[in-house]
Amino acid sequence: MGKKPRQYTEEFKRQAVYRLVHERIAVTQLARELNVAVPTLYEWKKRSEEPAPIAQISDGSKDEELKRLRREVTQLREDNTILKKFAAYIAKESR
């Protein structure tokens, strides 16, 4: 008969990932210390890096957000154009 997979608490997983990331312990070394398979540690680390799902936004606020972002993009493009012209001017003056 096959073995039952071991169950680990979320705290145990969090601490293992913390040690991997912040204490920079080698995955193989930590796997030996904790008696956990190397791929399991990689999976825990991957899961801890996944972004949280984006909250659902109502249609009205989506439209407002879209308008705000479009205004911001327009402003940033204008700023970029001005900076390019200024950089060209400075380059021309420094010759």
N, C-alpha and C. Protein backbone atom coordinates (compact mmCIF):
# COMPACT_ATOMS: atom_id res chain seq x y z
N MET A 1 0.83 -1.18 0.00
CA MET A 1 0.00 0.00 0.00
C MET A 1 0.87 1.24 0.00
N GLY A 2 0.38 2.30 -0.65
CA GLY A 2 1.12 3.56 -0.73
C GLY A 2 1.00 4.35 0.56
N LYS A 3 1.98 5.22 0.73
CA LYS A 3 1.95 6.07 1.91
C LYS A 3 0.96 7.21 1.72
N LYS A 4 0.40 7.65 2.83
CA LYS A 4 -0.47 8.83 2.81
C LYS A 4 0.42 10.06 2.73
N PRO A 5 0.07 11.04 1.89
CA PRO A 5 0.89 12.26 1.84
C PRO A 5 0.85 12.98 3.18
N ARG A 6 2.00 13.53 3.57
CA ARG A 6 2.07 14.26 4.84
C ARG A 6 1.36 15.59 4.70
N GLN A 7 0.72 16.00 5.76
CA GLN A 7 0.03 17.28 5.80
C GLN A 7 0.87 18.27 6.58
N TYR A 8 1.07 19.46 6.02
CA TYR A 8 1.85 20.51 6.67
C TYR A 8 0.94 21.70 6.93
N THR A 9 1.17 22.37 8.05
CA THR A 9 0.37 23.55 8.36
C THR A 9 0.81 24.71 7.50
N GLU A 10 -0.06 25.69 7.36
CA GLU A 10 0.27 26.89 6.58
C GLU A 10 1.44 27.63 7.23
N GLU A 11 1.48 27.63 8.54
CA GLU A 11 2.58 28.29 9.26
C GLU A 11 3.91 27.62 8.94
N PHE A 12 3.92 26.29 8.91
CA PHE A 12 5.13 25.53 8.57
C PHE A 12 5.60 25.90 7.17
N LYS A 13 4.66 25.95 6.23
CA LYS A 13 5.00 26.29 4.84
C LYS A 13 5.53 27.72 4.75
N ARG A 14 4.87 28.64 5.45
CA ARG A 14 5.29 30.04 5.44
C ARG A 14 6.70 30.20 5.99
N GLN A 15 6.99 29.50 7.08
CA GLN A 15 8.32 29.58 7.67
C GLN A 15 9.38 28.98 6.76
N ALA A 16 9.03 27.90 6.08
CA ALA A 16 9.98 27.27 5.14
C ALA A 16 10.30 28.24 4.00
N VAL A 17 9.27 28.87 3.45
CA VAL A 17 9.48 29.82 2.35
C VAL A 17 10.28 31.03 2.86
N TYR A 18 9.99 31.48 4.05
CA TYR A 18 10.73 32.60 4.64
C TYR A 18 12.22 32.26 4.72
N ARG A 19 12.52 31.06 5.18
CA ARG A 19 13.92 30.66 5.29
C ARG A 19 14.58 30.59 3.92
N LEU A 20 13.84 30.11 2.92
CA LEU A 20 14.40 30.06 1.56
C LEU A 20 14.73 31.44 1.05
N VAL A 21 13.81 32.36 1.23
CA VAL A 21 13.94 33.70 0.64
C VAL A 21 14.84 34.60 1.46
N HIS A 22 14.59 34.71 2.75
CA HIS A 22 15.27 35.70 3.57
C HIS A 22 16.58 35.19 4.19
N GLU A 23 16.63 33.95 4.53
CA GLU A 23 17.86 33.41 5.10
C GLU A 23 18.75 32.80 4.04
N ARG A 24 18.24 32.72 2.82
CA ARG A 24 18.99 32.22 1.66
C ARG A 24 19.61 30.85 1.90
N ILE A 25 18.82 29.97 2.44
CA ILE A 25 19.26 28.59 2.64
C ILE A 25 19.02 27.84 1.34
N ALA A 26 19.95 26.98 0.98
CA ALA A 26 19.81 26.19 -0.25
C ALA A 26 18.57 25.29 -0.12
N VAL A 27 17.87 25.14 -1.23
CA VAL A 27 16.64 24.35 -1.23
C VAL A 27 16.93 22.92 -0.79
N THR A 28 18.00 22.35 -1.31
CA THR A 28 18.31 20.96 -0.95
C THR A 28 18.62 20.82 0.54
N GLN A 29 19.34 21.78 1.09
CA GLN A 29 19.68 21.74 2.51
C GLN A 29 18.42 21.85 3.37
N LEU A 30 17.55 22.80 3.02
CA LEU A 30 16.32 22.98 3.78
C LEU A 30 15.41 21.76 3.66
N ALA A 31 15.37 21.18 2.47
CA ALA A 31 14.54 19.99 2.26
C ALA A 31 15.01 18.86 3.18
N ARG A 32 16.33 18.69 3.30
CA ARG A 32 16.87 17.66 4.21
C ARG A 32 16.51 17.97 5.66
N GLU A 33 16.69 19.26 6.05
CA GLU A 33 16.41 19.65 7.44
C GLU A 33 14.96 19.39 7.82
N LEU A 34 14.05 19.74 6.90
CA LEU A 34 12.62 19.64 7.20
C LEU A 34 12.01 18.31 6.81
N ASN A 35 12.80 17.47 6.15
CA ASN A 35 12.33 16.18 5.65
C ASN A 35 11.15 16.38 4.69
N VAL A 36 11.37 17.28 3.73
CA VAL A 36 10.37 17.62 2.72
C VAL A 36 11.02 17.46 1.36
N ALA A 37 10.24 17.06 0.37
CA ALA A 37 10.77 16.91 -0.98
C ALA A 37 11.11 18.28 -1.58
N VAL A 38 12.18 18.34 -2.36
CA VAL A 38 12.61 19.59 -2.99
C VAL A 38 11.49 20.20 -3.85
N PRO A 39 10.83 19.41 -4.71
CA PRO A 39 9.75 20.01 -5.52
C PRO A 39 8.62 20.61 -4.67
N THR A 40 8.40 20.03 -3.50
CA THR A 40 7.37 20.56 -2.60
C THR A 40 7.75 21.97 -2.15
N LEU A 41 9.01 22.17 -1.79
CA LEU A 41 9.47 23.49 -1.37
C LEU A 41 9.32 24.50 -2.51
N TYR A 42 9.69 24.09 -3.72
CA TYR A 42 9.55 24.98 -4.87
C TYR A 42 8.07 25.36 -5.09
N GLU A 43 7.18 24.40 -4.90
CA GLU A 43 5.75 24.67 -5.08
C GLU A 43 5.25 25.65 -4.02
N TRP A 44 5.67 25.49 -2.79
CA TRP A 44 5.26 26.42 -1.73
C TRP A 44 5.76 27.82 -2.03
N LYS A 45 7.00 27.91 -2.50
CA LYS A 45 7.58 29.22 -2.82
C LYS A 45 6.81 29.87 -3.97
N LYS A 46 6.49 29.09 -4.98
CA LYS A 46 5.74 29.59 -6.14
C LYS A 46 4.37 30.10 -5.70
N ARG A 47 3.69 29.33 -4.88
CA ARG A 47 2.36 29.74 -4.41
C ARG A 47 2.42 31.01 -3.57
N SER A 48 3.49 31.19 -2.81
CA SER A 48 3.58 32.37 -1.97
C SER A 48 3.81 33.63 -2.80
N GLU A 49 4.32 33.48 -4.03
CA GLU A 49 4.60 34.62 -4.89
C GLU A 49 3.43 34.99 -5.80
N GLU A 50 2.41 34.16 -5.86
CA GLU A 50 1.27 34.44 -6.72
C GLU A 50 0.51 35.65 -6.21
N PRO A 51 0.16 36.56 -7.11
CA PRO A 51 -0.59 37.73 -6.66
C PRO A 51 -2.00 37.36 -6.24
N ALA A 52 -2.53 38.13 -5.35
CA ALA A 52 -3.91 37.91 -4.91
C ALA A 52 -4.85 38.24 -6.05
N PRO A 53 -5.98 37.57 -6.15
CA PRO A 53 -6.92 37.88 -7.22
C PRO A 53 -7.44 39.31 -7.10
N ILE A 54 -7.66 39.93 -8.24
CA ILE A 54 -8.16 41.31 -8.27
C ILE A 54 -9.64 41.30 -7.88
N ALA A 55 -9.99 42.22 -7.01
CA ALA A 55 -11.37 42.30 -6.55
C ALA A 55 -12.28 42.70 -7.71
N GLN A 56 -13.48 42.22 -7.67
CA GLN A 56 -14.45 42.56 -8.70
C GLN A 56 -14.83 44.04 -8.56
N ILE A 57 -14.86 44.74 -9.68
CA ILE A 57 -15.20 46.16 -9.70
C ILE A 57 -16.52 46.32 -10.44
N SER A 58 -17.38 47.18 -9.93
CA SER A 58 -18.64 47.40 -10.60
C SER A 58 -18.40 48.11 -11.93
N ASP A 59 -19.35 48.02 -12.86
CA ASP A 59 -19.21 48.60 -14.19
C ASP A 59 -18.96 50.11 -14.14
N GLY A 60 -19.66 50.82 -13.28
CA GLY A 60 -19.50 52.26 -13.17
C GLY A 60 -18.09 52.65 -12.76
N SER A 61 -17.54 51.96 -11.78
CA SER A 61 -16.20 52.30 -11.32
C SER A 61 -15.15 51.84 -12.34
N LYS A 62 -15.47 50.81 -13.13
CA LYS A 62 -14.55 50.38 -14.19
C LYS A 62 -14.42 51.49 -15.22
N ASP A 63 -15.54 52.09 -15.59
CA ASP A 63 -15.52 53.18 -16.58
C ASP A 63 -14.73 54.37 -16.04
N GLU A 64 -14.94 54.71 -14.78
CA GLU A 64 -14.21 55.82 -14.17
C GLU A 64 -12.72 55.53 -14.13
N GLU A 65 -12.37 54.31 -13.77
CA GLU A 65 -10.96 53.92 -13.71
C GLU A 65 -10.34 53.98 -15.10
N LEU A 66 -11.08 53.52 -16.10
CA LEU A 66 -10.58 53.55 -17.48
C LEU A 66 -10.33 54.99 -17.94
N LYS A 67 -11.26 55.90 -17.63
CA LYS A 67 -11.09 57.31 -17.99
C LYS A 67 -9.87 57.90 -17.29
N ARG A 68 -9.72 57.59 -16.00
CA ARG A 68 -8.59 58.10 -15.24
C ARG A 68 -7.27 57.60 -15.82
N LEU A 69 -7.22 56.33 -16.17
CA LEU A 69 -6.00 55.76 -16.74
C LEU A 69 -5.68 56.35 -18.11
N ARG A 70 -6.71 56.60 -18.90
CA ARG A 70 -6.48 57.22 -20.21
C ARG A 70 -5.93 58.63 -20.06
N ARG A 71 -6.47 59.40 -19.10
CA ARG A 71 -5.93 60.74 -18.85
C ARG A 71 -4.48 60.66 -18.40
N GLU A 72 -4.19 59.69 -17.54
CA GLU A 72 -2.83 59.53 -17.05
C GLU A 72 -1.87 59.17 -18.18
N VAL A 73 -2.29 58.29 -19.07
CA VAL A 73 -1.45 57.91 -20.21
C VAL A 73 -1.18 59.12 -21.10
N THR A 74 -2.20 59.92 -21.36
CA THR A 74 -2.04 61.13 -22.17
C THR A 74 -1.04 62.07 -21.52
N GLN A 75 -1.16 62.28 -20.22
CA GLN A 75 -0.24 63.17 -19.49
C GLN A 75 1.19 62.63 -19.54
N LEU A 76 1.34 61.35 -19.36
CA LEU A 76 2.67 60.76 -19.37
C LEU A 76 3.31 60.85 -20.76
N ARG A 77 2.52 60.69 -21.80
CA ARG A 77 3.04 60.83 -23.16
C ARG A 77 3.51 62.27 -23.41
N GLU A 78 2.74 63.24 -22.94
CA GLU A 78 3.14 64.64 -23.09
C GLU A 78 4.43 64.91 -22.32
N ASP A 79 4.51 64.41 -21.10
CA ASP A 79 5.73 64.58 -20.30
C ASP A 79 6.93 63.95 -21.00
N ASN A 80 6.73 62.78 -21.58
CA ASN A 80 7.80 62.09 -22.28
C ASN A 80 8.29 62.90 -23.48
N THR A 81 7.36 63.49 -24.22
CA THR A 81 7.72 64.32 -25.37
C THR A 81 8.55 65.51 -24.94
N ILE A 82 8.12 66.17 -23.88
CA ILE A 82 8.85 67.33 -23.36
C ILE A 82 10.26 66.93 -22.92
N LEU A 83 10.38 65.81 -22.23
CA LEU A 83 11.68 65.36 -21.76
C LEU A 83 12.61 65.00 -22.92
N LYS A 84 12.06 64.40 -23.98
CA LYS A 84 12.87 64.08 -25.15
C LYS A 84 13.39 65.35 -25.80
N LYS A 85 12.53 66.37 -25.93
CA LYS A 85 12.95 67.63 -26.51
C LYS A 85 14.02 68.29 -25.65
N PHE A 86 13.84 68.25 -24.35
CA PHE A 86 14.81 68.85 -23.44
C PHE A 86 16.16 68.13 -23.54
N ALA A 87 16.12 66.79 -23.60
CA ALA A 87 17.36 66.01 -23.71
C ALA A 87 18.08 66.34 -25.01
N ALA A 88 17.33 66.50 -26.10
CA ALA A 88 17.95 66.87 -27.38
C ALA A 88 18.56 68.25 -27.29
N TYR A 89 17.88 69.18 -26.63
CA TYR A 89 18.39 70.55 -26.46
C TYR A 89 19.69 70.53 -25.66
N ILE A 90 19.72 69.80 -24.56
CA ILE A 90 20.91 69.71 -23.71
C ILE A 90 22.07 69.09 -24.50
N ALA A 91 21.79 68.03 -25.25
CA ALA A 91 22.83 67.38 -26.04
C ALA A 91 23.39 68.34 -27.09
N LYS A 92 22.53 69.13 -27.69
CA LYS A 92 22.95 70.10 -28.72
C LYS A 92 23.81 71.21 -28.10
N GLU A 93 23.42 71.68 -26.92
CA GLU A 93 24.13 72.76 -26.22
C GLU A 93 25.50 72.30 -25.70
N SER A 94 25.64 71.05 -25.38
CA SER A 94 26.89 70.57 -24.78
C SER A 94 27.99 70.33 -25.82
N ARG A 95 27.69 70.47 -27.09
CA ARG A 95 28.70 70.26 -28.15
C ARG A 95 29.58 71.44 -28.28
